[in-house]
All heavy atoms as atom14 arrays in JSON, in Angstrom:
{
  "sequence": "STGGVTITARSVNDVQSAVERIFPLVYEFRKPRTPADEEMLRQRRAA",
  "atom14_mask": [
    [1, 1, 1, 1, 1, 1, 0, 0, 0, 0, 0, 0, 0, 0],
    [1, 1, 1, 1, 1, 1, 1, 0, 0, 0, 0, 0, 0, 0],
    [1, 1, 1, 1, 0, 0, 0, 0, 0, 0, 0, 0, 0, 0],
    [1, 1, 1, 1, 0, 0, 0, 0, 0, 0, 0, 0, 0, 0],
    [1, 1, 1, 1, 1, 1, 1, 0, 0, 0, 0, 0, 0, 0],
    [1, 1, 1, 1, 1, 1, 1, 0, 0, 0, 0, 0, 0, 0],
    [1, 1, 1, 1, 1, 1, 1, 1, 0, 0, 0, 0, 0, 0],
    [1, 1, 1, 1, 1, 1, 1, 0, 0, 0, 0, 0, 0, 0],
    [1, 1, 1, 1, 1, 0, 0, 0, 0, 0, 0, 0, 0, 0],
    [1, 1, 1, 1, 1, 1, 1, 1, 1, 1, 1, 0, 0, 0],
    [1, 1, 1, 1, 1, 1, 0, 0, 0, 0, 0, 0, 0, 0],
    [1, 1, 1, 1, 1, 1, 1, 0, 0, 0, 0, 0, 0, 0],
    [1, 1, 1, 1, 1, 1, 1, 1, 0, 0, 0, 0, 0, 0],
    [1, 1, 1, 1, 1, 1, 1, 1, 0, 0, 0, 0, 0, 0],
    [1, 1, 1, 1, 1, 1, 1, 0, 0, 0, 0, 0, 0, 0],
    [1, 1, 1, 1, 1, 1, 1, 1, 1, 0, 0, 0, 0, 0],
    [1, 1, 1, 1, 1, 1, 0, 0, 0, 0, 0, 0, 0, 0],
    [1, 1, 1, 1, 1, 0, 0, 0, 0, 0, 0, 0, 0, 0],
    [1, 1, 1, 1, 1, 1, 1, 0, 0, 0, 0, 0, 0, 0],
    [1, 1, 1, 1, 1, 1, 1, 1, 1, 0, 0, 0, 0, 0],
    [1, 1, 1, 1, 1, 1, 1, 1, 1, 1, 1, 0, 0, 0],
    [1, 1, 1, 1, 1, 1, 1, 1, 0, 0, 0, 0, 0, 0],
    [1, 1, 1, 1, 1, 1, 1, 1, 1, 1, 1, 0, 0, 0],
    [1, 1, 1, 1, 1, 1, 1, 0, 0, 0, 0, 0, 0, 0],
    [1, 1, 1, 1, 1, 1, 1, 1, 0, 0, 0, 0, 0, 0],
    [1, 1, 1, 1, 1, 1, 1, 0, 0, 0, 0, 0, 0, 0],
    [1, 1, 1, 1, 1, 1, 1, 1, 1, 1, 1, 1, 0, 0],
    [1, 1, 1, 1, 1, 1, 1, 1, 1, 0, 0, 0, 0, 0],
    [1, 1, 1, 1, 1, 1, 1, 1, 1, 1, 1, 0, 0, 0],
    [1, 1, 1, 1, 1, 1, 1, 1, 1, 1, 1, 0, 0, 0],
    [1, 1, 1, 1, 1, 1, 1, 1, 1, 0, 0, 0, 0, 0],
    [1, 1, 1, 1, 1, 1, 1, 0, 0, 0, 0, 0, 0, 0],
    [1, 1, 1, 1, 1, 1, 1, 1, 1, 1, 1, 0, 0, 0],
    [1, 1, 1, 1, 1, 1, 1, 0, 0, 0, 0, 0, 0, 0],
    [1, 1, 1, 1, 1, 1, 1, 0, 0, 0, 0, 0, 0, 0],
    [1, 1, 1, 1, 1, 0, 0, 0, 0, 0, 0, 0, 0, 0],
    [1, 1, 1, 1, 1, 1, 1, 1, 0, 0, 0, 0, 0, 0],
    [1, 1, 1, 1, 1, 1, 1, 1, 1, 0, 0, 0, 0, 0],
    [1, 1, 1, 1, 1, 1, 1, 1, 1, 0, 0, 0, 0, 0],
    [1, 1, 1, 1, 1, 1, 1, 1, 0, 0, 0, 0, 0, 0],
    [1, 1, 1, 1, 1, 1, 1, 1, 0, 0, 0, 0, 0, 0],
    [1, 1, 1, 1, 1, 1, 1, 1, 1, 1, 1, 0, 0, 0],
    [1, 1, 1, 1, 1, 1, 1, 1, 1, 0, 0, 0, 0, 0],
    [1, 1, 1, 1, 1, 1, 1, 1, 1, 1, 1, 0, 0, 0],
    [1, 1, 1, 1, 1, 1, 1, 1, 1, 1, 1, 0, 0, 0],
    [1, 1, 1, 1, 1, 0, 0, 0, 0, 0, 0, 0, 0, 0],
    [1, 1, 1, 1, 1, 0, 0, 0, 0, 0, 0, 0, 0, 0]
  ],
  "atom14_positions": [
    [[42.18, 85.04, 86.15], [42.71, 83.85, 85.47], [41.59, 82.7, 85.46], [41.54, 81.87, 84.68], [43.87, 83.26, 86.06], [43.7, 82.97, 87.48], [0.0, 0.0, 0.0], [0.0, 0.0, 0.0], [0.0, 0.0, 0.0], [0.0, 0.0, 0.0], [0.0, 0.0, 0.0], [0.0, 0.0, 0.0], [0.0, 0.0, 0.0], [0.0, 0.0, 0.0]],
    [[40.6, 82.79, 86.45], [39.52, 81.78, 86.5], [38.45, 81.98, 85.45], [37.6, 81.15, 85.25], [38.92, 81.76, 87.88], [38.45, 83.03, 88.16], [39.96, 81.29, 88.93], [0.0, 0.0, 0.0], [0.0, 0.0, 0.0], [0.0, 0.0, 0.0], [0.0, 0.0, 0.0], [0.0, 0.0, 0.0], [0.0, 0.0, 0.0], [0.0, 0.0, 0.0]],
    [[38.51, 83.16, 84.83], [37.42, 83.53, 83.79], [36.49, 84.5, 84.33], [35.55, 84.96, 83.49], [0.0, 0.0, 0.0], [0.0, 0.0, 0.0], [0.0, 0.0, 0.0], [0.0, 0.0, 0.0], [0.0, 0.0, 0.0], [0.0, 0.0, 0.0], [0.0, 0.0, 0.0], [0.0, 0.0, 0.0], [0.0, 0.0, 0.0], [0.0, 0.0, 0.0]],
    [[36.54, 84.88, 85.56], [35.63, 85.81, 86.14], [36.02, 87.3, 85.7], [37.2, 87.69, 85.57], [0.0, 0.0, 0.0], [0.0, 0.0, 0.0], [0.0, 0.0, 0.0], [0.0, 0.0, 0.0], [0.0, 0.0, 0.0], [0.0, 0.0, 0.0], [0.0, 0.0, 0.0], [0.0, 0.0, 0.0], [0.0, 0.0, 0.0], [0.0, 0.0, 0.0]],
    [[35.02, 88.13, 85.39], [35.21, 89.45, 84.96], [34.32, 90.41, 85.75], [33.14, 90.09, 85.86], [34.89, 89.61, 83.45], [35.25, 91.05, 83.03], [35.78, 88.65, 82.54], [0.0, 0.0, 0.0], [0.0, 0.0, 0.0], [0.0, 0.0, 0.0], [0.0, 0.0, 0.0], [0.0, 0.0, 0.0], [0.0, 0.0, 0.0], [0.0, 0.0, 0.0]],
    [[34.82, 91.46, 86.31], [34.09, 92.48, 86.96], [34.13, 93.74, 86.14], [35.18, 94.2, 85.75], [34.64, 92.69, 88.38], [34.66, 91.49, 89.05], [33.81, 93.78, 89.14], [0.0, 0.0, 0.0], [0.0, 0.0, 0.0], [0.0, 0.0, 0.0], [0.0, 0.0, 0.0], [0.0, 0.0, 0.0], [0.0, 0.0, 0.0], [0.0, 0.0, 0.0]],
    [[32.93, 94.28, 85.81], [32.8, 95.49, 84.99], [32.22, 96.61, 85.79], [31.24, 96.44, 86.46], [31.88, 95.08, 83.74], [32.3, 93.82, 83.11], [31.89, 96.25, 82.84], [31.48, 92.65, 83.51], [0.0, 0.0, 0.0], [0.0, 0.0, 0.0], [0.0, 0.0, 0.0], [0.0, 0.0, 0.0], [0.0, 0.0, 0.0], [0.0, 0.0, 0.0]],
    [[32.88, 97.73, 85.65], [32.27, 99.01, 86.21], [32.08, 99.99, 85.1], [33.0, 100.34, 84.34], [33.28, 99.51, 87.22], [33.52, 98.6, 88.27], [32.66, 100.84, 87.87], [0.0, 0.0, 0.0], [0.0, 0.0, 0.0], [0.0, 0.0, 0.0], [0.0, 0.0, 0.0], [0.0, 0.0, 0.0], [0.0, 0.0, 0.0], [0.0, 0.0, 0.0]],
    [[30.86, 100.46, 84.93], [30.5, 101.37, 83.86], [29.41, 102.31, 84.3], [28.96, 102.35, 85.45], [29.96, 100.51, 82.67], [0.0, 0.0, 0.0], [0.0, 0.0, 0.0], [0.0, 0.0, 0.0], [0.0, 0.0, 0.0], [0.0, 0.0, 0.0], [0.0, 0.0, 0.0], [0.0, 0.0, 0.0], [0.0, 0.0, 0.0], [0.0, 0.0, 0.0]],
    [[29.01, 103.24, 83.39], [28.03, 104.28, 83.72], [26.61, 103.78, 83.61], [25.63, 104.46, 84.19], [28.26, 105.43, 82.85], [29.57, 106.18, 83.09], [29.73, 107.41, 82.2], [31.01, 108.15, 82.42], [31.35, 109.13, 81.75], [30.51, 109.75, 80.79], [32.48, 109.79, 82.06], [0.0, 0.0, 0.0], [0.0, 0.0, 0.0], [0.0, 0.0, 0.0]],
    [[26.34, 102.73, 82.93], [24.92, 102.29, 82.71], [24.98, 100.74, 82.5], [26.03, 100.19, 82.2], [24.24, 102.94, 81.58], [24.87, 102.66, 80.34], [0.0, 0.0, 0.0], [0.0, 0.0, 0.0], [0.0, 0.0, 0.0], [0.0, 0.0, 0.0], [0.0, 0.0, 0.0], [0.0, 0.0, 0.0], [0.0, 0.0, 0.0], [0.0, 0.0, 0.0]],
    [[23.78, 100.11, 82.47], [23.65, 98.7, 82.28], [24.03, 98.38, 80.85], [24.62, 97.37, 80.5], [22.23, 98.24, 82.66], [22.04, 96.73, 82.25], [21.92, 98.49, 84.11], [0.0, 0.0, 0.0], [0.0, 0.0, 0.0], [0.0, 0.0, 0.0], [0.0, 0.0, 0.0], [0.0, 0.0, 0.0], [0.0, 0.0, 0.0], [0.0, 0.0, 0.0]],
    [[23.64, 99.22, 79.89], [23.91, 98.98, 78.47], [25.42, 99.02, 78.22], [25.97, 98.27, 77.42], [23.18, 100.04, 77.61], [21.68, 99.88, 77.59], [21.15, 98.82, 77.81], [20.98, 100.95, 77.38], [0.0, 0.0, 0.0], [0.0, 0.0, 0.0], [0.0, 0.0, 0.0], [0.0, 0.0, 0.0], [0.0, 0.0, 0.0], [0.0, 0.0, 0.0]],
    [[26.08, 99.98, 78.96], [27.63, 100.03, 78.78], [28.22, 98.74, 79.35], [29.35, 98.28, 78.86], [28.11, 101.24, 79.56], [27.73, 102.55, 78.76], [27.33, 102.43, 77.6], [27.97, 103.65, 79.39], [0.0, 0.0, 0.0], [0.0, 0.0, 0.0], [0.0, 0.0, 0.0], [0.0, 0.0, 0.0], [0.0, 0.0, 0.0], [0.0, 0.0, 0.0]],
    [[27.63, 98.25, 80.38], [28.23, 96.92, 80.94], [28.11, 95.85, 79.94], [29.04, 95.12, 79.64], [27.51, 96.59, 82.23], [27.94, 95.19, 82.66], [27.84, 97.54, 83.3], [0.0, 0.0, 0.0], [0.0, 0.0, 0.0], [0.0, 0.0, 0.0], [0.0, 0.0, 0.0], [0.0, 0.0, 0.0], [0.0, 0.0, 0.0], [0.0, 0.0, 0.0]],
    [[26.97, 95.72, 79.28], [26.76, 94.67, 78.31], [27.7, 94.88, 77.09], [28.28, 93.96, 76.57], [25.23, 94.65, 77.85], [25.03, 93.62, 76.78], [23.55, 93.53, 76.4], [22.73, 94.29, 77.01], [23.22, 92.65, 75.57], [0.0, 0.0, 0.0], [0.0, 0.0, 0.0], [0.0, 0.0, 0.0], [0.0, 0.0, 0.0], [0.0, 0.0, 0.0]],
    [[27.86, 96.14, 76.62], [28.71, 96.46, 75.49], [30.14, 96.07, 75.91], [30.94, 95.69, 74.99], [28.55, 97.91, 75.1], [27.17, 98.2, 74.77], [0.0, 0.0, 0.0], [0.0, 0.0, 0.0], [0.0, 0.0, 0.0], [0.0, 0.0, 0.0], [0.0, 0.0, 0.0], [0.0, 0.0, 0.0], [0.0, 0.0, 0.0], [0.0, 0.0, 0.0]],
    [[30.52, 96.37, 77.1], [31.96, 96.11, 77.56], [32.18, 94.64, 77.47], [33.34, 94.14, 77.02], [32.21, 96.65, 78.76], [0.0, 0.0, 0.0], [0.0, 0.0, 0.0], [0.0, 0.0, 0.0], [0.0, 0.0, 0.0], [0.0, 0.0, 0.0], [0.0, 0.0, 0.0], [0.0, 0.0, 0.0], [0.0, 0.0, 0.0], [0.0, 0.0, 0.0]],
    [[31.22, 93.77, 77.88], [31.43, 92.35, 77.82], [31.55, 91.88, 76.37], [32.38, 90.97, 75.98], [30.34, 91.59, 78.52], [30.39, 90.08, 78.43], [30.26, 91.97, 80.03], [0.0, 0.0, 0.0], [0.0, 0.0, 0.0], [0.0, 0.0, 0.0], [0.0, 0.0, 0.0], [0.0, 0.0, 0.0], [0.0, 0.0, 0.0], [0.0, 0.0, 0.0]],
    [[30.7, 92.42, 75.44], [30.81, 92.09, 74.07], [32.12, 92.43, 73.45], [32.64, 91.78, 72.54], [29.63, 92.67, 73.3], [28.21, 92.16, 73.73], [27.12, 92.95, 73.01], [27.41, 93.93, 72.23], [25.96, 92.54, 73.2], [0.0, 0.0, 0.0], [0.0, 0.0, 0.0], [0.0, 0.0, 0.0], [0.0, 0.0, 0.0], [0.0, 0.0, 0.0]],
    [[32.71, 93.54, 73.96], [34.0, 94.01, 73.41], [35.22, 93.21, 73.92], [36.12, 92.94, 73.19], [34.2, 95.5, 73.73], [33.33, 96.44, 73.03], [33.85, 96.7, 71.61], [35.21, 97.18, 71.61], [35.63, 98.37, 71.72], [34.71, 99.39, 71.91], [36.89, 98.73, 71.69], [0.0, 0.0, 0.0], [0.0, 0.0, 0.0], [0.0, 0.0, 0.0]],
    [[35.01, 92.69, 75.17], [36.22, 92.02, 75.81], [36.22, 90.52, 75.42], [37.29, 89.94, 75.51], [36.21, 92.23, 77.35], [37.56, 92.03, 77.79], [35.2, 91.4, 77.99], [38.64, 92.95, 77.4], [0.0, 0.0, 0.0], [0.0, 0.0, 0.0], [0.0, 0.0, 0.0], [0.0, 0.0, 0.0], [0.0, 0.0, 0.0], [0.0, 0.0, 0.0]],
    [[35.08, 90.01, 75.04], [35.01, 88.59, 74.85], [35.92, 88.11, 73.71], [36.75, 87.17, 73.83], [33.54, 88.1, 74.5], [33.44, 86.61, 74.25], [33.46, 85.69, 75.34], [33.36, 86.15, 72.98], [33.31, 84.4, 75.01], [33.3, 84.82, 72.68], [33.3, 83.93, 73.73], [0.0, 0.0, 0.0], [0.0, 0.0, 0.0], [0.0, 0.0, 0.0]],
    [[36.01, 88.65, 72.51], [36.9, 88.28, 71.45], [38.37, 88.46, 71.85], [39.24, 87.76, 71.28], [36.45, 89.13, 70.29], [35.81, 90.23, 70.8], [35.11, 89.78, 72.02], [0.0, 0.0, 0.0], [0.0, 0.0, 0.0], [0.0, 0.0, 0.0], [0.0, 0.0, 0.0], [0.0, 0.0, 0.0], [0.0, 0.0, 0.0], [0.0, 0.0, 0.0]],
    [[38.63, 89.42, 72.75], [40.11, 89.59, 73.12], [40.57, 88.49, 74.01], [41.65, 88.02, 73.89], [40.16, 91.06, 73.72], [39.76, 92.18, 72.91], [39.9, 93.48, 73.71], [40.39, 92.21, 71.54], [0.0, 0.0, 0.0], [0.0, 0.0, 0.0], [0.0, 0.0, 0.0], [0.0, 0.0, 0.0], [0.0, 0.0, 0.0], [0.0, 0.0, 0.0]],
    [[39.69, 88.11, 75.05], [40.18, 87.07, 75.99], [39.96, 85.75, 75.34], [40.66, 84.81, 75.84], [39.47, 87.24, 77.29], [39.69, 88.57, 77.88], [37.94, 87.01, 77.0], [0.0, 0.0, 0.0], [0.0, 0.0, 0.0], [0.0, 0.0, 0.0], [0.0, 0.0, 0.0], [0.0, 0.0, 0.0], [0.0, 0.0, 0.0], [0.0, 0.0, 0.0]],
    [[39.22, 85.59, 74.32], [38.91, 84.25, 73.79], [40.25, 83.74, 73.12], [40.52, 82.49, 73.11], [37.87, 84.31, 72.74], [37.5, 82.91, 72.12], [36.61, 82.13, 72.87], [37.83, 82.58, 70.89], [36.23, 80.86, 72.35], [37.54, 81.37, 70.35], [36.68, 80.43, 71.11], [36.32, 79.26, 70.57], [0.0, 0.0, 0.0], [0.0, 0.0, 0.0]],
    [[41.06, 84.62, 72.66], [42.37, 84.2, 72.03], [43.29, 83.58, 73.05], [44.14, 82.87, 72.69], [43.01, 85.43, 71.43], [44.27, 85.19, 70.78], [44.88, 86.49, 70.09], [44.19, 87.5, 70.17], [46.04, 86.43, 69.56], [0.0, 0.0, 0.0], [0.0, 0.0, 0.0], [0.0, 0.0, 0.0], [0.0, 0.0, 0.0], [0.0, 0.0, 0.0]],
    [[43.15, 83.91, 74.29], [44.03, 83.52, 75.4], [43.4, 82.63, 76.3], [43.69, 82.48, 77.51], [44.65, 84.79, 76.15], [45.4, 85.75, 75.29], [44.79, 86.8, 74.73], [46.77, 85.47, 75.03], [45.51, 87.65, 73.95], [47.46, 86.34, 74.34], [46.83, 87.44, 73.7], [0.0, 0.0, 0.0], [0.0, 0.0, 0.0], [0.0, 0.0, 0.0]],
    [[42.41, 81.9, 75.86], [41.75, 80.9, 76.69], [42.59, 79.7, 77.04], [43.45, 79.27, 76.22], [40.42, 80.38, 76.03], [40.62, 79.61, 74.78], [39.3, 79.3, 74.07], [39.5, 78.49, 72.94], [39.92, 78.81, 71.71], [40.19, 80.09, 71.53], [40.03, 78.01, 70.71], [0.0, 0.0, 0.0], [0.0, 0.0, 0.0], [0.0, 0.0, 0.0]],
    [[42.39, 79.13, 78.16], [43.13, 78.03, 78.6], [42.49, 76.7, 78.07], [41.27, 76.62, 77.9], [43.17, 77.9, 80.1], [43.98, 79.01, 80.78], [43.95, 78.76, 82.35], [44.75, 79.88, 82.96], [44.73, 79.69, 84.49], [0.0, 0.0, 0.0], [0.0, 0.0, 0.0], [0.0, 0.0, 0.0], [0.0, 0.0, 0.0], [0.0, 0.0, 0.0]],
    [[43.21, 75.63, 77.67], [42.6, 74.42, 77.19], [41.84, 73.79, 78.39], [42.27, 73.77, 79.52], [43.86, 73.56, 76.78], [44.99, 74.1, 77.51], [44.77, 75.57, 77.67], [0.0, 0.0, 0.0], [0.0, 0.0, 0.0], [0.0, 0.0, 0.0], [0.0, 0.0, 0.0], [0.0, 0.0, 0.0], [0.0, 0.0, 0.0], [0.0, 0.0, 0.0]],
    [[40.76, 73.15, 78.01], [39.91, 72.47, 79.03], [40.51, 71.14, 79.5], [41.08, 70.35, 78.65], [38.52, 72.17, 78.39], [37.79, 73.4, 78.04], [36.37, 73.13, 77.44], [35.61, 74.2, 77.21], [34.45, 74.22, 76.52], [33.91, 73.03, 76.07], [33.8, 75.31, 76.23], [0.0, 0.0, 0.0], [0.0, 0.0, 0.0], [0.0, 0.0, 0.0]],
    [[40.43, 71.0, 80.73], [40.86, 69.74, 81.42], [39.75, 68.73, 81.42], [38.54, 69.11, 81.26], [41.33, 70.02, 82.85], [40.29, 70.56, 83.62], [42.5, 71.01, 82.87], [0.0, 0.0, 0.0], [0.0, 0.0, 0.0], [0.0, 0.0, 0.0], [0.0, 0.0, 0.0], [0.0, 0.0, 0.0], [0.0, 0.0, 0.0], [0.0, 0.0, 0.0]],
    [[39.99, 67.43, 81.63], [38.83, 66.42, 81.8], [37.83, 66.86, 82.92], [36.65, 66.61, 82.69], [39.57, 65.13, 82.1], [40.88, 65.36, 81.5], [41.26, 66.76, 81.72], [0.0, 0.0, 0.0], [0.0, 0.0, 0.0], [0.0, 0.0, 0.0], [0.0, 0.0, 0.0], [0.0, 0.0, 0.0], [0.0, 0.0, 0.0], [0.0, 0.0, 0.0]],
    [[38.34, 67.44, 84.01], [37.39, 67.86, 85.03], [36.48, 69.0, 84.55], [35.34, 68.96, 84.84], [38.16, 68.43, 86.23], [0.0, 0.0, 0.0], [0.0, 0.0, 0.0], [0.0, 0.0, 0.0], [0.0, 0.0, 0.0], [0.0, 0.0, 0.0], [0.0, 0.0, 0.0], [0.0, 0.0, 0.0], [0.0, 0.0, 0.0], [0.0, 0.0, 0.0]],
    [[37.07, 69.91, 83.69], [36.25, 70.97, 83.09], [35.09, 70.4, 82.13], [34.02, 70.89, 82.13], [37.05, 72.0, 82.44], [38.04, 72.73, 83.33], [37.7, 72.75, 84.61], [39.04, 73.24, 82.95], [0.0, 0.0, 0.0], [0.0, 0.0, 0.0], [0.0, 0.0, 0.0], [0.0, 0.0, 0.0], [0.0, 0.0, 0.0], [0.0, 0.0, 0.0]],
    [[35.54, 69.34, 81.34], [34.62, 68.8, 80.43], [33.5, 68.16, 81.2], [32.32, 68.2, 80.78], [35.38, 67.79, 79.51], [36.35, 68.39, 78.6], [35.7, 69.17, 77.38], [34.48, 69.03, 77.21], [36.33, 69.96, 76.78], [0.0, 0.0, 0.0], [0.0, 0.0, 0.0], [0.0, 0.0, 0.0], [0.0, 0.0, 0.0], [0.0, 0.0, 0.0]],
    [[33.82, 67.38, 82.26], [32.79, 66.75, 83.07], [31.85, 67.74, 83.6], [30.66, 67.55, 83.75], [33.43, 65.89, 84.12], [32.55, 65.08, 84.95], [31.63, 64.12, 84.14], [32.11, 63.67, 83.08], [30.59, 63.67, 84.62], [0.0, 0.0, 0.0], [0.0, 0.0, 0.0], [0.0, 0.0, 0.0], [0.0, 0.0, 0.0], [0.0, 0.0, 0.0]],
    [[32.37, 68.94, 84.21], [31.53, 69.91, 84.76], [30.66, 70.62, 83.76], [29.41, 70.78, 83.95], [32.45, 70.89, 85.44], [31.61, 72.05, 86.2], [32.78, 73.26, 86.95], [33.73, 72.22, 88.1], [0.0, 0.0, 0.0], [0.0, 0.0, 0.0], [0.0, 0.0, 0.0], [0.0, 0.0, 0.0], [0.0, 0.0, 0.0], [0.0, 0.0, 0.0]],
    [[31.16, 70.81, 82.53], [30.33, 71.32, 81.45], [29.22, 70.46, 81.1], [28.13, 70.77, 80.76], [31.21, 71.67, 80.24], [30.54, 72.3, 79.03], [29.94, 73.6, 79.46], [31.55, 72.53, 77.88], [0.0, 0.0, 0.0], [0.0, 0.0, 0.0], [0.0, 0.0, 0.0], [0.0, 0.0, 0.0], [0.0, 0.0, 0.0], [0.0, 0.0, 0.0]],
    [[29.55, 69.09, 81.03], [28.52, 68.12, 80.64], [27.46, 68.09, 81.69], [26.22, 67.93, 81.34], [29.21, 66.65, 80.53], [28.3, 65.65, 79.81], [28.99, 64.39, 79.71], [30.23, 64.47, 78.91], [31.44, 64.38, 79.36], [31.6, 64.3, 80.72], [32.51, 64.55, 78.56], [0.0, 0.0, 0.0], [0.0, 0.0, 0.0], [0.0, 0.0, 0.0]],
    [[27.74, 68.16, 83.03], [26.81, 68.07, 84.07], [25.94, 69.37, 84.0], [24.78, 69.33, 84.21], [27.42, 67.98, 85.42], [28.15, 66.61, 85.67], [28.86, 66.53, 86.96], [28.82, 67.53, 87.71], [29.53, 65.44, 87.28], [0.0, 0.0, 0.0], [0.0, 0.0, 0.0], [0.0, 0.0, 0.0], [0.0, 0.0, 0.0], [0.0, 0.0, 0.0]],
    [[26.54, 70.49, 83.71], [25.77, 71.73, 83.59], [24.74, 71.74, 82.53], [23.64, 72.17, 82.64], [26.83, 72.88, 83.42], [26.13, 74.32, 83.52], [27.17, 75.32, 83.42], [28.23, 75.18, 84.47], [29.3, 75.98, 84.48], [29.52, 76.91, 83.57], [30.24, 75.84, 85.45], [0.0, 0.0, 0.0], [0.0, 0.0, 0.0], [0.0, 0.0, 0.0]],
    [[25.14, 71.05, 81.34], [24.25, 70.99, 80.23], [23.05, 70.03, 80.63], [21.92, 70.26, 80.19], [24.99, 70.56, 78.99], [25.9, 71.58, 78.35], [26.59, 71.06, 77.21], [27.48, 72.01, 76.61], [28.44, 71.68, 75.68], [28.47, 70.49, 75.11], [29.15, 72.65, 75.11], [0.0, 0.0, 0.0], [0.0, 0.0, 0.0], [0.0, 0.0, 0.0]],
    [[23.42, 68.98, 81.31], [22.37, 68.09, 81.59], [21.39, 68.63, 82.66], [20.21, 68.28, 82.66], [22.99, 66.71, 82.2], [0.0, 0.0, 0.0], [0.0, 0.0, 0.0], [0.0, 0.0, 0.0], [0.0, 0.0, 0.0], [0.0, 0.0, 0.0], [0.0, 0.0, 0.0], [0.0, 0.0, 0.0], [0.0, 0.0, 0.0], [0.0, 0.0, 0.0]],
    [[21.87, 69.41, 83.56], [20.98, 70.09, 84.48], [20.25, 71.27, 84.04], [19.52, 71.84, 84.73], [21.83, 70.45, 85.76], [0.0, 0.0, 0.0], [0.0, 0.0, 0.0], [0.0, 0.0, 0.0], [0.0, 0.0, 0.0], [0.0, 0.0, 0.0], [0.0, 0.0, 0.0], [0.0, 0.0, 0.0], [0.0, 0.0, 0.0], [0.0, 0.0, 0.0]]
  ]
}
């Protein structure tokens, strides 16, 4: 639920392909950002 994903596959290319496949599926069920998340994202971009 925090957004972390652990992938187990047969090769590094399969790991990357799995992330590309799962991203549009979980993007539909993303949680709305809180003010704390917005501030953390702003600090991450500044750094």
